[in-house]
Amino acid sequence: MPYIIRPKRARRIAATVFSAALLVCAVPAAASAACPSSPSSALLTEYGDNAAYTLLTGSSFESGASGWWLTNAQVSEEEGATGGSNALTIEPGGRAVSPSFCVSSEYPSFRFFARALSASSARGGGSLRVSLLWSDLWGHQHSTTVASLTPAGEWTLSPVLGLATSLPLWMNGATLQVRLEFQANGADSWAIDNVYIDPYSR
């Protein structure tokens, strides 16, 4: 009988409309997501870079490498890039993964200091691969390589490397938790120091 079927159909339509409304309401909430504010200043002006940066927590290695995940890598008494007494040394085949930190569209790029330590650097014996480790909305883990640096015997400031610009931030203001991975490929040992994050809109 038609008068029995119509109420059921009406309830299904109402449920569909309600679910769609919930989805629409959820979009502004995701789009408004933002990372906590970080103080920044022009830390690299002497290197010709006038952008404002914030130092990634723990990346000076003056107090060890708390929160870092290390394989064939350790903090050593290597003269730091900017006058410190420690740096992070990564042996051939080793890797160092930073603690996770929040990235939104307001954090487009990063830079850091690096140098090759082993004698093979003169022969082009390896590279330092730099990747972003992140998980998508469904929990799937991803690795995005942003650089493969060739050896240099002196402390060298990396190029400007993509951070938010290399990640699928699908909505304006969306965020991801990201870790930086540094991997010594080939026969070279590497040292890294001072990772600078660029919060350009802060």
N, C-alpha and C. Protein backbone atom coordinates (compact mmCIF):
# COMPACT_ATOMS: atom_id res chain seq x y z
N MET A 1 0.84 -1.18 0.00
CA MET A 1 0.00 0.00 0.00
C MET A 1 0.88 1.24 0.00
N PRO A 2 0.59 2.21 -0.88
CA PRO A 2 1.48 3.36 -1.04
C PRO A 2 1.71 4.14 0.23
N TYR A 3 0.62 4.28 1.07
CA TYR A 3 0.79 5.12 2.26
C TYR A 3 1.72 4.48 3.28
N ILE A 4 2.04 3.17 3.16
CA ILE A 4 3.01 2.51 4.05
C ILE A 4 4.43 2.70 3.54
N ILE A 5 4.62 2.67 2.22
CA ILE A 5 5.95 2.77 1.63
C ILE A 5 6.50 4.19 1.75
N ARG A 6 5.67 5.20 1.58
CA ARG A 6 6.15 6.58 1.55
C ARG A 6 6.87 6.99 2.83
N PRO A 7 6.35 6.70 4.02
CA PRO A 7 7.08 7.10 5.23
C PRO A 7 8.48 6.50 5.31
N LYS A 8 8.62 5.21 4.89
CA LYS A 8 9.95 4.60 4.93
C LYS A 8 10.89 5.32 3.98
N ARG A 9 10.39 5.62 2.77
CA ARG A 9 11.21 6.32 1.80
C ARG A 9 11.59 7.71 2.31
N ALA A 10 10.63 8.38 2.95
CA ALA A 10 10.89 9.71 3.49
C ALA A 10 11.98 9.66 4.55
N ARG A 11 11.94 8.58 5.38
CA ARG A 11 12.96 8.47 6.43
C ARG A 11 14.34 8.26 5.81
N ARG A 12 14.42 7.46 4.73
CA ARG A 12 15.70 7.23 4.07
C ARG A 12 16.24 8.52 3.47
N ILE A 13 15.36 9.29 2.84
CA ILE A 13 15.79 10.56 2.26
C ILE A 13 16.27 11.52 3.35
N ALA A 14 15.53 11.56 4.45
CA ALA A 14 15.91 12.45 5.55
C ALA A 14 17.27 12.05 6.12
N ALA A 15 17.51 10.73 6.25
CA ALA A 15 18.80 10.26 6.77
C ALA A 15 19.93 10.64 5.84
N THR A 16 19.68 10.53 4.52
CA THR A 16 20.71 10.88 3.53
C THR A 16 21.05 12.36 3.61
N VAL A 17 20.00 13.19 3.68
CA VAL A 17 20.20 14.64 3.77
C VAL A 17 20.96 14.99 5.04
N PHE A 18 20.61 14.35 6.15
CA PHE A 18 21.27 14.62 7.42
C PHE A 18 22.75 14.26 7.36
N SER A 19 23.05 13.09 6.75
CA SER A 19 24.45 12.67 6.63
C SER A 19 25.23 13.64 5.77
N ALA A 20 24.62 14.10 4.68
CA ALA A 20 25.30 15.07 3.82
C ALA A 20 25.56 16.37 4.56
N ALA A 21 24.61 16.78 5.40
CA ALA A 21 24.78 18.01 6.17
C ALA A 21 25.94 17.88 7.15
N LEU A 22 26.06 16.70 7.76
CA LEU A 22 27.17 16.48 8.67
C LEU A 22 28.50 16.57 7.94
N LEU A 23 28.55 16.02 6.73
CA LEU A 23 29.77 16.07 5.94
C LEU A 23 30.14 17.50 5.59
N VAL A 24 29.14 18.28 5.17
CA VAL A 24 29.40 19.68 4.83
C VAL A 24 29.89 20.45 6.04
N CYS A 25 29.32 20.17 7.19
CA CYS A 25 29.74 20.86 8.41
C CYS A 25 31.16 20.48 8.81
N ALA A 26 31.58 19.26 8.45
CA ALA A 26 32.91 18.80 8.84
C ALA A 26 33.99 19.47 8.03
N VAL A 27 33.68 19.89 6.80
CA VAL A 27 34.70 20.47 5.93
C VAL A 27 35.29 21.76 6.49
N PRO A 28 34.47 22.74 6.93
CA PRO A 28 35.07 23.95 7.51
C PRO A 28 35.94 23.65 8.72
N ALA A 29 35.56 22.64 9.51
CA ALA A 29 36.37 22.30 10.69
C ALA A 29 37.75 21.84 10.28
N ALA A 30 37.83 20.99 9.24
CA ALA A 30 39.12 20.52 8.76
C ALA A 30 39.90 21.65 8.13
N ALA A 31 39.20 22.51 7.39
CA ALA A 31 39.88 23.58 6.69
C ALA A 31 40.45 24.61 7.64
N SER A 32 39.86 24.71 8.85
CA SER A 32 40.33 25.71 9.79
C SER A 32 41.48 25.21 10.65
N ALA A 33 41.88 23.94 10.44
CA ALA A 33 42.96 23.38 11.25
C ALA A 33 44.24 24.17 11.04
N ALA A 34 45.02 24.34 12.10
CA ALA A 34 46.27 25.08 12.01
C ALA A 34 47.25 24.51 13.01
N CYS A 35 48.53 24.71 12.73
CA CYS A 35 49.56 24.27 13.66
C CYS A 35 49.77 25.32 14.75
N PRO A 36 50.27 24.92 15.91
CA PRO A 36 50.58 25.89 16.96
C PRO A 36 51.59 26.91 16.46
N SER A 37 51.46 28.13 16.92
CA SER A 37 52.37 29.20 16.52
C SER A 37 53.78 28.93 17.03
N SER A 38 54.77 29.28 16.21
CA SER A 38 56.17 29.13 16.59
C SER A 38 56.88 30.47 16.37
N PRO A 39 57.62 30.97 17.36
CA PRO A 39 58.35 32.22 17.15
C PRO A 39 59.40 32.03 16.07
N SER A 40 59.59 33.05 15.24
CA SER A 40 60.55 32.95 14.16
C SER A 40 61.33 34.25 14.02
N SER A 41 62.49 34.15 13.41
CA SER A 41 63.31 35.33 13.16
C SER A 41 64.24 35.03 11.99
N ALA A 42 64.90 36.07 11.50
CA ALA A 42 65.81 35.92 10.36
C ALA A 42 67.13 35.31 10.85
N LEU A 43 67.19 33.99 10.87
CA LEU A 43 68.34 33.28 11.43
C LEU A 43 69.45 33.02 10.41
N LEU A 44 69.16 33.25 9.13
CA LEU A 44 70.13 32.88 8.10
C LEU A 44 70.55 34.06 7.23
N THR A 45 70.43 35.27 7.76
CA THR A 45 70.75 36.44 6.95
C THR A 45 72.21 36.45 6.50
N GLU A 46 73.12 35.94 7.33
CA GLU A 46 74.53 35.94 6.93
C GLU A 46 74.80 34.99 5.77
N TYR A 47 73.82 34.15 5.45
CA TYR A 47 73.95 33.23 4.32
C TYR A 47 73.13 33.70 3.13
N GLY A 48 72.67 34.95 3.19
CA GLY A 48 71.92 35.53 2.09
C GLY A 48 70.45 35.17 2.05
N ASP A 49 69.93 34.62 3.13
CA ASP A 49 68.52 34.23 3.21
C ASP A 49 67.85 35.08 4.28
N ASN A 50 66.98 35.98 3.88
CA ASN A 50 66.35 36.90 4.82
C ASN A 50 64.99 36.42 5.33
N ALA A 51 64.60 35.21 4.99
CA ALA A 51 63.32 34.68 5.46
C ALA A 51 63.38 34.44 6.97
N ALA A 52 62.21 34.46 7.60
CA ALA A 52 62.11 34.18 9.03
C ALA A 52 61.99 32.68 9.24
N TYR A 53 62.83 32.13 10.11
CA TYR A 53 62.83 30.70 10.37
C TYR A 53 62.65 30.42 11.86
N THR A 54 62.22 29.21 12.14
CA THR A 54 62.22 28.71 13.51
C THR A 54 63.06 27.43 13.54
N LEU A 55 63.86 27.26 14.57
CA LEU A 55 64.72 26.08 14.68
C LEU A 55 63.89 24.89 15.15
N LEU A 56 63.95 23.79 14.40
CA LEU A 56 63.25 22.58 14.80
C LEU A 56 63.75 22.13 16.16
N THR A 57 62.86 21.90 17.09
CA THR A 57 63.22 21.53 18.45
C THR A 57 64.17 20.33 18.47
N GLY A 58 65.29 20.49 19.17
CA GLY A 58 66.24 19.40 19.34
C GLY A 58 67.22 19.23 18.20
N SER A 59 67.15 20.07 17.16
CA SER A 59 68.01 19.85 16.00
C SER A 59 69.37 20.53 16.09
N SER A 60 69.66 21.19 17.22
CA SER A 60 71.02 21.71 17.41
C SER A 60 71.93 20.64 17.99
N PHE A 61 71.32 19.61 18.60
CA PHE A 61 72.01 18.44 19.16
C PHE A 61 72.98 18.80 20.29
N GLU A 62 72.84 19.96 20.86
CA GLU A 62 73.70 20.34 21.98
C GLU A 62 73.35 19.59 23.25
N SER A 63 72.13 19.08 23.32
CA SER A 63 71.69 18.31 24.50
C SER A 63 71.33 16.89 24.11
N GLY A 64 72.01 16.35 23.11
CA GLY A 64 71.71 15.00 22.65
C GLY A 64 70.72 15.01 21.50
N ALA A 65 70.04 13.89 21.32
CA ALA A 65 69.10 13.75 20.21
C ALA A 65 67.78 13.18 20.72
N SER A 66 67.26 13.79 21.77
CA SER A 66 66.01 13.34 22.35
C SER A 66 64.89 13.38 21.31
N GLY A 67 64.15 12.28 21.20
CA GLY A 67 63.03 12.20 20.27
C GLY A 67 63.40 11.74 18.87
N TRP A 68 64.70 11.71 18.57
CA TRP A 68 65.14 11.25 17.25
C TRP A 68 65.25 9.72 17.25
N TRP A 69 64.99 9.13 16.11
CA TRP A 69 65.14 7.68 15.93
C TRP A 69 66.38 7.47 15.08
N LEU A 70 67.40 6.80 15.65
CA LEU A 70 68.71 6.72 15.01
C LEU A 70 69.09 5.27 14.70
N THR A 71 69.64 5.04 13.51
CA THR A 71 70.21 3.77 13.12
C THR A 71 71.60 4.05 12.54
N ASN A 72 72.65 3.52 13.18
CA ASN A 72 74.03 3.82 12.77
C ASN A 72 74.26 5.33 12.71
N ALA A 73 73.78 6.00 13.72
CA ALA A 73 73.92 7.45 13.83
C ALA A 73 74.01 7.81 15.30
N GLN A 74 74.71 8.89 15.60
CA GLN A 74 74.86 9.31 16.99
C GLN A 74 75.30 10.77 17.05
N VAL A 75 75.02 11.40 18.20
CA VAL A 75 75.52 12.75 18.44
C VAL A 75 77.00 12.65 18.75
N SER A 76 77.80 13.48 18.09
CA SER A 76 79.25 13.44 18.30
C SER A 76 79.76 14.85 18.57
N GLU A 77 80.95 14.91 19.12
CA GLU A 77 81.57 16.21 19.41
C GLU A 77 82.22 16.77 18.14
N GLU A 78 81.38 16.93 17.17
CA GLU A 78 81.75 17.52 15.88
C GLU A 78 81.42 19.01 15.96
N GLU A 79 82.37 19.87 15.61
CA GLU A 79 82.09 21.30 15.67
C GLU A 79 80.87 21.61 14.82
N GLY A 80 79.88 22.23 15.45
CA GLY A 80 78.62 22.48 14.76
C GLY A 80 78.74 23.51 13.67
N ALA A 81 77.69 23.59 12.86
CA ALA A 81 77.70 24.49 11.71
C ALA A 81 77.72 25.95 12.11
N THR A 82 77.11 26.29 13.24
CA THR A 82 77.00 27.69 13.64
C THR A 82 77.68 27.95 14.98
N GLY A 83 78.73 27.18 15.27
CA GLY A 83 79.52 27.43 16.47
C GLY A 83 79.24 26.52 17.64
N GLY A 84 78.28 25.61 17.51
CA GLY A 84 78.01 24.68 18.60
C GLY A 84 79.10 23.63 18.71
N SER A 85 79.00 22.81 19.74
CA SER A 85 80.04 21.80 19.99
C SER A 85 79.62 20.40 19.59
N ASN A 86 78.37 20.23 19.16
CA ASN A 86 77.87 18.90 18.77
C ASN A 86 77.17 18.94 17.42
N ALA A 87 77.13 17.79 16.78
CA ALA A 87 76.36 17.60 15.55
C ALA A 87 75.91 16.15 15.53
N LEU A 88 75.02 15.83 14.60
CA LEU A 88 74.55 14.46 14.47
C LEU A 88 75.32 13.80 13.33
N THR A 89 76.04 12.72 13.64
CA THR A 89 76.81 11.99 12.65
C THR A 89 76.05 10.75 12.19
N ILE A 90 75.96 10.57 10.87
CA ILE A 90 75.27 9.43 10.29
C ILE A 90 76.28 8.62 9.51
N GLU A 91 76.46 7.36 9.90
CA GLU A 91 77.44 6.49 9.24
C GLU A 91 76.87 5.98 7.90
N PRO A 92 77.74 5.46 7.00
CA PRO A 92 77.25 4.93 5.73
C PRO A 92 76.13 3.90 5.94
N GLY A 93 75.04 4.08 5.25
CA GLY A 93 73.89 3.20 5.40
C GLY A 93 73.01 3.55 6.58
N GLY A 94 73.40 4.51 7.39
CA GLY A 94 72.62 4.88 8.57
C GLY A 94 71.51 5.86 8.23
N ARG A 95 70.64 6.05 9.20
CA ARG A 95 69.55 7.00 9.01
C ARG A 95 69.19 7.65 10.33
N ALA A 96 68.67 8.85 10.23
CA ALA A 96 68.21 9.60 11.40
C ALA A 96 66.84 10.16 11.07
N VAL A 97 65.88 9.95 11.99
CA VAL A 97 64.51 10.41 11.78
C VAL A 97 64.15 11.36 12.92
N SER A 98 63.71 12.54 12.57
CA SER A 98 63.39 13.56 13.57
C SER A 98 62.10 13.22 14.31
N PRO A 99 61.88 13.88 15.45
CA PRO A 99 60.55 13.79 16.08
C PRO A 99 59.51 14.37 15.12
N SER A 100 58.26 13.95 15.28
CA SER A 100 57.21 14.47 14.41
C SER A 100 56.85 15.90 14.80
N PHE A 101 56.42 16.66 13.83
CA PHE A 101 55.99 18.03 14.08
C PHE A 101 54.87 18.37 13.10
N CYS A 102 54.10 19.37 13.46
CA CYS A 102 52.92 19.75 12.70
C CYS A 102 53.32 20.60 11.48
N VAL A 103 52.73 20.27 10.34
CA VAL A 103 52.97 21.03 9.11
C VAL A 103 51.63 21.42 8.50
N SER A 104 51.48 22.69 8.21
CA SER A 104 50.33 23.19 7.46
C SER A 104 50.85 23.97 6.27
N SER A 105 49.96 24.59 5.53
CA SER A 105 50.38 25.38 4.37
C SER A 105 51.25 26.57 4.78
N GLU A 106 51.25 26.89 6.07
CA GLU A 106 52.05 28.01 6.56
C GLU A 106 53.52 27.65 6.74
N TYR A 107 53.86 26.39 6.49
CA TYR A 107 55.24 25.92 6.63
C TYR A 107 55.70 25.33 5.28
N PRO A 108 56.03 26.19 4.33
CA PRO A 108 56.27 25.70 2.97
C PRO A 108 57.60 24.98 2.78
N SER A 109 58.62 25.28 3.59
CA SER A 109 59.96 24.77 3.27
C SER A 109 60.84 24.66 4.50
N PHE A 110 62.02 24.07 4.32
CA PHE A 110 62.99 23.98 5.40
C PHE A 110 64.39 23.92 4.82
N ARG A 111 65.38 24.16 5.69
CA ARG A 111 66.79 24.08 5.31
C ARG A 111 67.56 23.51 6.50
N PHE A 112 68.77 23.05 6.27
CA PHE A 112 69.61 22.54 7.35
C PHE A 112 71.06 22.57 6.87
N PHE A 113 71.97 22.39 7.82
CA PHE A 113 73.39 22.32 7.49
C PHE A 113 73.83 20.86 7.41
N ALA A 114 74.73 20.59 6.48
CA ALA A 114 75.25 19.23 6.33
C ALA A 114 76.69 19.28 5.81
N ARG A 115 77.44 18.23 6.11
CA ARG A 115 78.78 18.06 5.54
C ARG A 115 79.11 16.58 5.47
N ALA A 116 79.89 16.20 4.45
CA ALA A 116 80.36 14.83 4.34
C ALA A 116 81.65 14.70 5.14
N LEU A 117 81.78 13.59 5.86
CA LEU A 117 82.92 13.41 6.77
C LEU A 117 83.97 12.46 6.24
N SER A 118 83.60 11.49 5.42
CA SER A 118 84.53 10.44 5.03
C SER A 118 85.32 10.82 3.78
N ALA A 119 86.47 10.14 3.61
CA ALA A 119 87.39 10.48 2.53
C ALA A 119 86.79 10.22 1.15
N SER A 120 85.79 9.34 1.06
CA SER A 120 85.24 9.01 -0.24
C SER A 120 84.50 10.17 -0.87
N SER A 121 84.22 11.24 -0.07
CA SER A 121 83.47 12.37 -0.61
C SER A 121 84.17 12.98 -1.81
N ALA A 122 85.50 12.93 -1.81
CA ALA A 122 86.24 13.50 -2.93
C ALA A 122 86.01 12.70 -4.21
N ARG A 123 85.59 11.45 -4.07
CA ARG A 123 85.36 10.59 -5.23
C ARG A 123 83.87 10.50 -5.58
N GLY A 124 83.07 11.30 -4.89
CA GLY A 124 81.63 11.23 -5.14
C GLY A 124 81.05 9.91 -4.71
N GLY A 125 81.44 9.44 -3.51
CA GLY A 125 81.08 8.09 -3.10
C GLY A 125 79.69 7.91 -2.56
N GLY A 126 78.88 8.93 -2.45
CA GLY A 126 77.56 8.72 -1.90
C GLY A 126 76.73 9.99 -1.92
N SER A 127 75.61 9.94 -1.21
CA SER A 127 74.71 11.09 -1.13
C SER A 127 73.94 11.04 0.18
N LEU A 128 73.35 12.15 0.52
CA LEU A 128 72.47 12.23 1.69
C LEU A 128 71.05 12.41 1.17
N ARG A 129 70.24 11.39 1.36
CA ARG A 129 68.85 11.46 0.92
C ARG A 129 67.99 12.04 2.02
N VAL A 130 67.14 12.99 1.68
CA VAL A 130 66.28 13.66 2.65
C VAL A 130 64.83 13.41 2.24
N SER A 131 64.04 12.88 3.18
CA SER A 131 62.66 12.53 2.87
C SER A 131 61.72 13.03 3.96
N LEU A 132 60.45 13.16 3.59
CA LEU A 132 59.38 13.49 4.53
C LEU A 132 58.59 12.21 4.80
N LEU A 133 58.42 11.87 6.06
CA LEU A 133 57.61 10.71 6.44
C LEU A 133 56.29 11.21 7.01
N TRP A 134 55.18 10.70 6.48
CA TRP A 134 53.87 11.18 6.90
C TRP A 134 52.82 10.10 6.68
N SER A 135 51.69 10.26 7.35
CA SER A 135 50.56 9.33 7.22
C SER A 135 49.35 10.08 6.69
N ASP A 136 48.60 9.44 5.80
CA ASP A 136 47.41 10.09 5.25
C ASP A 136 46.22 9.91 6.19
N LEU A 137 45.05 10.40 5.74
CA LEU A 137 43.86 10.37 6.59
C LEU A 137 43.41 8.97 6.93
N TRP A 138 43.85 7.98 6.15
CA TRP A 138 43.45 6.60 6.37
C TRP A 138 44.52 5.81 7.12
N GLY A 139 45.57 6.49 7.57
CA GLY A 139 46.62 5.84 8.35
C GLY A 139 47.70 5.18 7.52
N HIS A 140 47.65 5.32 6.20
CA HIS A 140 48.70 4.75 5.36
C HIS A 140 49.96 5.60 5.43
N GLN A 141 51.10 4.97 5.60
CA GLN A 141 52.36 5.69 5.75
C GLN A 141 53.01 5.94 4.38
N HIS A 142 53.62 7.12 4.25
CA HIS A 142 54.24 7.52 2.99
C HIS A 142 55.61 8.12 3.25
N SER A 143 56.46 8.04 2.23
CA SER A 143 57.77 8.69 2.26
C SER A 143 57.92 9.49 0.98
N THR A 144 58.19 10.79 1.12
CA THR A 144 58.36 11.68 -0.03
C THR A 144 59.78 12.22 -0.02
N THR A 145 60.58 11.83 -1.00
CA THR A 145 61.96 12.30 -1.07
C THR A 145 61.99 13.71 -1.64
N VAL A 146 62.69 14.62 -0.95
CA VAL A 146 62.76 16.02 -1.38
C VAL A 146 64.15 16.44 -1.80
N ALA A 147 65.19 15.61 -1.52
CA ALA A 147 66.54 15.99 -1.92
C ALA A 147 67.46 14.79 -1.86
N SER A 148 68.50 14.83 -2.68
CA SER A 148 69.61 13.88 -2.61
C SER A 148 70.87 14.72 -2.76
N LEU A 149 71.50 15.02 -1.63
CA LEU A 149 72.61 15.97 -1.60
C LEU A 149 73.93 15.28 -1.90
N THR A 150 74.76 15.91 -2.72
CA THR A 150 76.09 15.38 -3.01
C THR A 150 77.07 15.87 -1.95
N PRO A 151 78.15 15.13 -1.74
CA PRO A 151 79.06 15.43 -0.63
C PRO A 151 79.76 16.78 -0.75
N ALA A 152 79.94 17.41 0.38
CA ALA A 152 80.75 18.63 0.51
C ALA A 152 81.54 18.51 1.80
N GLY A 153 82.82 18.80 1.75
CA GLY A 153 83.67 18.60 2.92
C GLY A 153 83.50 19.64 4.01
N GLU A 154 82.93 20.80 3.68
CA GLU A 154 82.69 21.84 4.67
C GLU A 154 81.20 21.94 4.95
N TRP A 155 80.89 22.55 6.11
CA TRP A 155 79.48 22.76 6.41
C TRP A 155 78.84 23.58 5.30
N THR A 156 77.74 23.07 4.78
CA THR A 156 77.03 23.73 3.68
C THR A 156 75.55 23.81 4.01
N LEU A 157 74.97 24.98 3.77
CA LEU A 157 73.53 25.15 3.97
C LEU A 157 72.80 24.52 2.79
N SER A 158 71.85 23.68 3.09
CA SER A 158 71.11 22.99 2.04
C SER A 158 70.33 23.99 1.19
N PRO A 159 69.91 23.58 0.00
CA PRO A 159 68.94 24.41 -0.74
C PRO A 159 67.64 24.51 0.05
N VAL A 160 66.77 25.40 -0.38
CA VAL A 160 65.43 25.48 0.20
C VAL A 160 64.67 24.23 -0.25
N LEU A 161 64.24 23.41 0.70
CA LEU A 161 63.59 22.14 0.39
C LEU A 161 62.10 22.22 0.71
N GLY A 162 61.30 21.59 -0.13
CA GLY A 162 59.86 21.65 0.03
C GLY A 162 59.38 20.90 1.26
N LEU A 163 58.50 21.52 2.02
CA LEU A 163 57.86 20.88 3.17
C LEU A 163 56.37 20.80 2.86
N ALA A 164 55.60 21.83 3.20
CA ALA A 164 54.18 21.82 2.84
C ALA A 164 54.00 21.76 1.33
N THR A 165 54.91 22.37 0.58
CA THR A 165 54.79 22.37 -0.88
C THR A 165 55.01 20.99 -1.49
N SER A 166 55.53 20.04 -0.69
CA SER A 166 55.76 18.68 -1.18
C SER A 166 54.74 17.69 -0.64
N LEU A 167 53.77 18.18 0.12
CA LEU A 167 52.80 17.30 0.77
C LEU A 167 51.39 17.54 0.23
N PRO A 168 50.53 16.52 0.27
CA PRO A 168 49.16 16.66 -0.24
C PRO A 168 48.23 17.29 0.80
N LEU A 169 48.41 18.55 1.04
CA LEU A 169 47.51 19.25 1.96
C LEU A 169 46.26 19.63 1.15
N TRP A 170 45.28 18.72 1.13
CA TRP A 170 44.17 18.82 0.20
C TRP A 170 43.31 20.05 0.42
N MET A 171 43.20 20.51 1.65
CA MET A 171 42.35 21.67 1.91
C MET A 171 43.22 22.79 2.49
N ASN A 172 42.84 24.00 2.23
CA ASN A 172 43.57 25.14 2.79
C ASN A 172 43.51 25.10 4.31
N GLY A 173 44.67 25.06 4.95
CA GLY A 173 44.72 25.00 6.41
C GLY A 173 44.82 23.62 6.97
N ALA A 174 44.71 22.55 6.15
CA ALA A 174 44.83 21.18 6.65
C ALA A 174 46.24 20.94 7.16
N THR A 175 46.40 19.98 8.07
CA THR A 175 47.70 19.72 8.68
C THR A 175 48.07 18.25 8.56
N LEU A 176 49.36 17.99 8.65
CA LEU A 176 49.90 16.64 8.73
C LEU A 176 51.00 16.62 9.78
N GLN A 177 51.14 15.50 10.45
CA GLN A 177 52.28 15.27 11.32
C GLN A 177 53.40 14.67 10.47
N VAL A 178 54.56 15.31 10.49
CA VAL A 178 55.65 14.95 9.59
C VAL A 178 56.92 14.69 10.37
N ARG A 179 57.72 13.73 9.90
CA ARG A 179 59.07 13.51 10.40
C ARG A 179 60.05 13.65 9.25
N LEU A 180 61.22 14.17 9.54
CA LEU A 180 62.27 14.29 8.53
C LEU A 180 63.21 13.11 8.63
N GLU A 181 63.52 12.50 7.50
CA GLU A 181 64.43 11.36 7.47
C GLU A 181 65.69 11.75 6.69
N PHE A 182 66.85 11.50 7.30
CA PHE A 182 68.14 11.74 6.66
C PHE A 182 68.85 10.39 6.55
N GLN A 183 69.18 9.99 5.33
CA GLN A 183 69.78 8.68 5.11
C GLN A 183 71.07 8.81 4.32
N ALA A 184 72.16 8.25 4.87
CA ALA A 184 73.46 8.29 4.22
C ALA A 184 73.59 7.12 3.27
N ASN A 185 73.57 7.39 1.98
CA ASN A 185 73.68 6.35 0.96
C ASN A 185 75.11 6.29 0.43
N GLY A 186 75.58 5.09 0.12
CA GLY A 186 76.92 4.96 -0.41
C GLY A 186 77.95 4.85 0.68
N ALA A 187 79.16 5.33 0.40
CA ALA A 187 80.30 5.11 1.29
C ALA A 187 80.60 6.28 2.22
N ASP A 188 79.83 7.33 2.15
CA ASP A 188 80.12 8.52 2.95
C ASP A 188 79.43 8.53 4.30
N SER A 189 80.13 9.06 5.31
CA SER A 189 79.51 9.45 6.57
C SER A 189 79.13 10.92 6.45
N TRP A 190 78.08 11.28 7.14
CA TRP A 190 77.59 12.66 7.07
C TRP A 190 77.39 13.22 8.47
N ALA A 191 77.44 14.53 8.59
CA ALA A 191 77.02 15.23 9.80
C ALA A 191 75.95 16.22 9.42
N ILE A 192 74.91 16.33 10.24
CA ILE A 192 73.86 17.33 10.02
C ILE A 192 73.71 18.16 11.29
N ASP A 193 73.20 19.36 11.12
CA ASP A 193 73.06 20.27 12.26
C ASP A 193 72.00 21.33 11.92
N ASN A 194 71.25 21.75 12.94
CA ASN A 194 70.35 22.90 12.85
C ASN A 194 69.38 22.83 11.66
N VAL A 195 68.21 22.29 11.92
CA VAL A 195 67.15 22.24 10.92
C VAL A 195 66.24 23.45 11.11
N TYR A 196 66.08 24.23 10.06
CA TYR A 196 65.30 25.47 10.12
C TYR A 196 64.00 25.31 9.33
N ILE A 197 62.87 25.58 10.01
CA ILE A 197 61.56 25.52 9.37
C ILE A 197 61.11 26.93 9.05
N ASP A 198 60.57 27.12 7.85
CA ASP A 198 60.16 28.45 7.39
C ASP A 198 58.67 28.64 7.57
N PRO A 199 58.26 29.36 8.62
CA PRO A 199 56.83 29.68 8.79
C PRO A 199 56.53 31.03 8.18
N TYR A 200 56.41 31.12 6.84
CA TYR A 200 56.44 32.41 6.16
C TYR A 200 55.30 33.34 6.53
N SER A 201 54.18 32.81 7.00
CA SER A 201 53.05 33.71 7.28
C SER A 201 52.93 34.06 8.74
N ARG A 202 53.94 33.68 9.54
CA ARG A 202 53.86 33.99 10.97
C ARG A 202 54.23 35.45 11.23
